[in-house]
Amino acid sequence: MAEKATQAIDKMSFEEALKELEEIVRRLEAGDVELEKSIEIYERGAKLKAHCESRLKSAELKIEQIVQGGDGKPRTEPASFD
C-alpha cells in the first residue's frame, strides 16, 4: 500500500480507489494499526470514498436511456436512477 499512498487520488480510476479503500477498511477492522496511522489512513479512506462517489455520479450523468416519444420515434433522455 505504500506505493498507492503516494498516488494522487484524483488520478486514480474508480477501481483503483475502491480497491485501496477496501484495503483501508480491512486494516482498520483488523485493529492492528497504531492510532496515529489509523487516523492517517482513515482520512485517506474518506477522500477515496468521496472520489468513488464522484466518479459514480459522473458515470450516472453520462448514461442515457432510449425511450419512445409521443410520435412513436425513439429518442434518448438522461437515465433516471430513482
N, C-alpha and C. Protein backbone atom coordinates (compact mmCIF):
# COMPACT_ATOMS: atom_id res chain seq x y z
N MET A 1 0.81 -1.19 0.00
CA MET A 1 0.00 0.00 0.00
C MET A 1 0.85 1.25 0.00
N ALA A 2 2.12 1.14 0.32
CA ALA A 2 2.99 2.31 0.35
C ALA A 2 3.04 2.98 -1.01
N GLU A 3 3.03 2.21 -2.08
CA GLU A 3 3.06 2.77 -3.42
C GLU A 3 1.79 3.57 -3.69
N LYS A 4 0.65 3.04 -3.33
CA LYS A 4 -0.62 3.71 -3.56
C LYS A 4 -0.79 4.91 -2.65
N ALA A 5 -0.21 4.89 -1.49
CA ALA A 5 -0.36 6.00 -0.55
C ALA A 5 0.17 7.29 -1.14
N THR A 6 1.13 7.18 -2.03
CA THR A 6 1.69 8.38 -2.64
C THR A 6 0.96 8.76 -3.94
N GLN A 7 0.11 7.87 -4.44
CA GLN A 7 -0.61 8.14 -5.68
C GLN A 7 -1.72 9.16 -5.41
N ALA A 8 -1.79 10.18 -6.28
CA ALA A 8 -2.82 11.20 -6.14
C ALA A 8 -4.19 10.58 -6.39
N ILE A 9 -5.09 10.81 -5.46
CA ILE A 9 -6.42 10.22 -5.55
C ILE A 9 -7.15 10.67 -6.80
N ASP A 10 -7.02 11.93 -7.17
CA ASP A 10 -7.74 12.43 -8.34
C ASP A 10 -7.27 11.81 -9.65
N LYS A 11 -6.15 11.13 -9.63
CA LYS A 11 -5.63 10.45 -10.83
C LYS A 11 -6.04 8.98 -10.88
N MET A 12 -6.65 8.48 -9.81
CA MET A 12 -6.99 7.07 -9.71
C MET A 12 -8.29 6.76 -10.46
N SER A 13 -8.33 5.55 -11.01
CA SER A 13 -9.58 5.07 -11.59
C SER A 13 -10.51 4.70 -10.43
N PHE A 14 -11.78 4.51 -10.74
CA PHE A 14 -12.73 4.08 -9.73
C PHE A 14 -12.27 2.76 -9.10
N GLU A 15 -11.85 1.84 -9.95
CA GLU A 15 -11.45 0.52 -9.48
C GLU A 15 -10.23 0.58 -8.56
N GLU A 16 -9.25 1.41 -8.91
CA GLU A 16 -8.06 1.55 -8.07
C GLU A 16 -8.43 2.14 -6.71
N ALA A 17 -9.26 3.18 -6.73
CA ALA A 17 -9.66 3.84 -5.49
C ALA A 17 -10.47 2.89 -4.61
N LEU A 18 -11.38 2.15 -5.21
CA LEU A 18 -12.20 1.21 -4.45
C LEU A 18 -11.35 0.11 -3.83
N LYS A 19 -10.39 -0.39 -4.59
CA LYS A 19 -9.52 -1.45 -4.07
C LYS A 19 -8.72 -0.94 -2.87
N GLU A 20 -8.17 0.26 -2.97
CA GLU A 20 -7.41 0.81 -1.84
C GLU A 20 -8.33 1.09 -0.65
N LEU A 21 -9.53 1.58 -0.92
CA LEU A 21 -10.49 1.84 0.15
C LEU A 21 -10.84 0.53 0.88
N GLU A 22 -11.06 -0.53 0.13
CA GLU A 22 -11.34 -1.82 0.75
C GLU A 22 -10.18 -2.29 1.62
N GLU A 23 -8.95 -2.06 1.18
CA GLU A 23 -7.77 -2.44 1.96
C GLU A 23 -7.69 -1.62 3.25
N ILE A 24 -8.02 -0.34 3.17
CA ILE A 24 -8.02 0.51 4.36
C ILE A 24 -9.05 0.00 5.36
N VAL A 25 -10.25 -0.30 4.88
CA VAL A 25 -11.30 -0.81 5.76
C VAL A 25 -10.84 -2.11 6.43
N ARG A 26 -10.24 -3.00 5.65
CA ARG A 26 -9.75 -4.27 6.20
C ARG A 26 -8.73 -4.02 7.31
N ARG A 27 -7.80 -3.11 7.07
CA ARG A 27 -6.76 -2.83 8.07
C ARG A 27 -7.36 -2.21 9.33
N LEU A 28 -8.30 -1.28 9.16
CA LEU A 28 -8.90 -0.65 10.32
C LEU A 28 -9.74 -1.64 11.12
N GLU A 29 -10.47 -2.50 10.43
CA GLU A 29 -11.28 -3.50 11.12
C GLU A 29 -10.42 -4.52 11.86
N ALA A 30 -9.25 -4.81 11.32
CA ALA A 30 -8.35 -5.77 11.97
C ALA A 30 -7.80 -5.21 13.28
N GLY A 31 -7.73 -3.89 13.38
CA GLY A 31 -7.29 -3.26 14.61
C GLY A 31 -5.81 -3.38 14.89
N ASP A 32 -5.00 -3.68 13.87
CA ASP A 32 -3.57 -3.86 14.10
C ASP A 32 -2.76 -2.65 13.62
N VAL A 33 -3.39 -1.49 13.59
CA VAL A 33 -2.72 -0.27 13.14
C VAL A 33 -2.65 0.70 14.33
N GLU A 34 -1.50 1.32 14.51
CA GLU A 34 -1.34 2.30 15.59
C GLU A 34 -2.30 3.47 15.40
N LEU A 35 -2.63 4.14 16.49
CA LEU A 35 -3.63 5.21 16.48
C LEU A 35 -3.32 6.29 15.44
N GLU A 36 -2.13 6.81 15.45
CA GLU A 36 -1.79 7.89 14.51
C GLU A 36 -1.91 7.43 13.06
N LYS A 37 -1.44 6.22 12.78
CA LYS A 37 -1.54 5.66 11.43
C LYS A 37 -3.01 5.41 11.08
N SER A 38 -3.80 4.97 12.06
CA SER A 38 -5.23 4.74 11.84
C SER A 38 -5.91 6.03 11.40
N ILE A 39 -5.59 7.11 12.07
CA ILE A 39 -6.18 8.41 11.73
C ILE A 39 -5.77 8.81 10.31
N GLU A 40 -4.51 8.63 10.00
CA GLU A 40 -3.99 8.98 8.68
C GLU A 40 -4.68 8.18 7.57
N ILE A 41 -4.78 6.87 7.74
CA ILE A 41 -5.40 6.08 6.68
C ILE A 41 -6.91 6.26 6.65
N TYR A 42 -7.53 6.57 7.80
CA TYR A 42 -8.96 6.87 7.81
C TYR A 42 -9.24 8.12 6.98
N GLU A 43 -8.41 9.14 7.16
CA GLU A 43 -8.59 10.37 6.39
C GLU A 43 -8.42 10.11 4.89
N ARG A 44 -7.44 9.29 4.53
CA ARG A 44 -7.27 8.94 3.12
C ARG A 44 -8.48 8.14 2.64
N GLY A 45 -8.98 7.26 3.48
CA GLY A 45 -10.16 6.49 3.12
C GLY A 45 -11.36 7.38 2.84
N ALA A 46 -11.54 8.42 3.65
CA ALA A 46 -12.64 9.36 3.44
C ALA A 46 -12.50 10.06 2.08
N LYS A 47 -11.28 10.41 1.73
CA LYS A 47 -11.04 11.04 0.42
C LYS A 47 -11.28 10.05 -0.72
N LEU A 48 -10.86 8.81 -0.52
CA LEU A 48 -11.10 7.78 -1.54
C LEU A 48 -12.60 7.54 -1.72
N LYS A 49 -13.35 7.52 -0.63
CA LYS A 49 -14.80 7.33 -0.69
C LYS A 49 -15.44 8.47 -1.48
N ALA A 50 -15.05 9.70 -1.19
CA ALA A 50 -15.60 10.85 -1.90
C ALA A 50 -15.26 10.77 -3.40
N HIS A 51 -14.05 10.33 -3.70
CA HIS A 51 -13.62 10.19 -5.09
C HIS A 51 -14.48 9.14 -5.80
N CYS A 52 -14.70 8.01 -5.16
CA CYS A 52 -15.52 6.95 -5.75
C CYS A 52 -16.95 7.45 -5.99
N GLU A 53 -17.51 8.14 -5.02
CA GLU A 53 -18.86 8.68 -5.18
C GLU A 53 -18.93 9.67 -6.33
N SER A 54 -17.92 10.49 -6.46
CA SER A 54 -17.86 11.47 -7.55
C SER A 54 -17.78 10.78 -8.91
N ARG A 55 -16.95 9.75 -8.99
CA ARG A 55 -16.82 9.01 -10.26
C ARG A 55 -18.13 8.32 -10.63
N LEU A 56 -18.83 7.76 -9.64
CA LEU A 56 -20.12 7.12 -9.90
C LEU A 56 -21.16 8.13 -10.37
N LYS A 57 -21.21 9.28 -9.72
CA LYS A 57 -22.16 10.33 -10.10
C LYS A 57 -21.88 10.80 -11.53
N SER A 58 -20.62 10.95 -11.85
CA SER A 58 -20.24 11.36 -13.21
C SER A 58 -20.69 10.32 -14.23
N ALA A 59 -20.52 9.05 -13.90
CA ALA A 59 -20.95 7.99 -14.81
C ALA A 59 -22.46 7.99 -14.98
N GLU A 60 -23.20 8.21 -13.89
CA GLU A 60 -24.66 8.25 -13.97
C GLU A 60 -25.12 9.36 -14.91
N LEU A 61 -24.45 10.51 -14.86
CA LEU A 61 -24.85 11.63 -15.69
C LEU A 61 -24.60 11.37 -17.17
N LYS A 62 -23.70 10.46 -17.48
CA LYS A 62 -23.37 10.16 -18.87
C LYS A 62 -24.28 9.11 -19.48
N ILE A 63 -24.97 8.36 -18.64
CA ILE A 63 -25.81 7.27 -19.14
C ILE A 63 -27.15 7.84 -19.60
N GLU A 64 -27.55 7.42 -20.77
CA GLU A 64 -28.84 7.83 -21.30
C GLU A 64 -29.69 6.59 -21.55
N GLN A 65 -30.97 6.79 -21.55
CA GLN A 65 -31.87 5.69 -21.86
C GLN A 65 -32.63 6.01 -23.15
N ILE A 66 -32.98 4.98 -23.87
CA ILE A 66 -33.74 5.14 -25.09
C ILE A 66 -35.21 4.99 -24.73
N VAL A 67 -36.00 5.96 -25.12
CA VAL A 67 -37.44 5.93 -24.85
C VAL A 67 -38.20 6.18 -26.14
N GLN A 68 -39.45 5.81 -26.13
CA GLN A 68 -40.29 6.06 -27.30
C GLN A 68 -41.02 7.36 -27.06
N GLY A 69 -40.86 8.29 -27.99
CA GLY A 69 -41.51 9.58 -27.88
C GLY A 69 -42.99 9.49 -28.22
N GLY A 70 -43.73 10.58 -28.00
CA GLY A 70 -45.15 10.63 -28.28
C GLY A 70 -45.47 10.38 -29.74
N ASP A 71 -44.52 10.68 -30.61
CA ASP A 71 -44.71 10.47 -32.04
C ASP A 71 -44.33 9.06 -32.47
N GLY A 72 -43.96 8.22 -31.51
CA GLY A 72 -43.60 6.84 -31.82
C GLY A 72 -42.14 6.65 -32.19
N LYS A 73 -41.39 7.73 -32.31
CA LYS A 73 -39.98 7.64 -32.68
C LYS A 73 -39.12 7.50 -31.43
N PRO A 74 -38.06 6.72 -31.53
CA PRO A 74 -37.16 6.59 -30.38
C PRO A 74 -36.34 7.86 -30.19
N ARG A 75 -36.05 8.17 -28.93
CA ARG A 75 -35.19 9.30 -28.58
C ARG A 75 -34.45 8.94 -27.31
N THR A 76 -33.45 9.71 -26.97
CA THR A 76 -32.72 9.45 -25.73
C THR A 76 -33.01 10.55 -24.72
N GLU A 77 -32.89 10.18 -23.48
CA GLU A 77 -33.00 11.15 -22.38
C GLU A 77 -32.14 10.65 -21.23
N PRO A 78 -31.77 11.53 -20.34
CA PRO A 78 -30.95 11.08 -19.21
C PRO A 78 -31.64 9.96 -18.44
N ALA A 79 -30.88 8.98 -18.05
CA ALA A 79 -31.44 7.86 -17.30
C ALA A 79 -31.80 8.30 -15.89
N SER A 80 -32.86 7.74 -15.37
CA SER A 80 -33.28 8.02 -14.00
C SER A 80 -32.94 6.84 -13.14
N PHE A 81 -32.25 7.07 -12.02
CA PHE A 81 -31.85 6.00 -11.13
C PHE A 81 -32.63 6.03 -9.82
N ASP A 82 -33.76 6.68 -9.83
CA ASP A 82 -34.59 6.76 -8.61
C ASP A 82 -35.45 5.55 -8.43
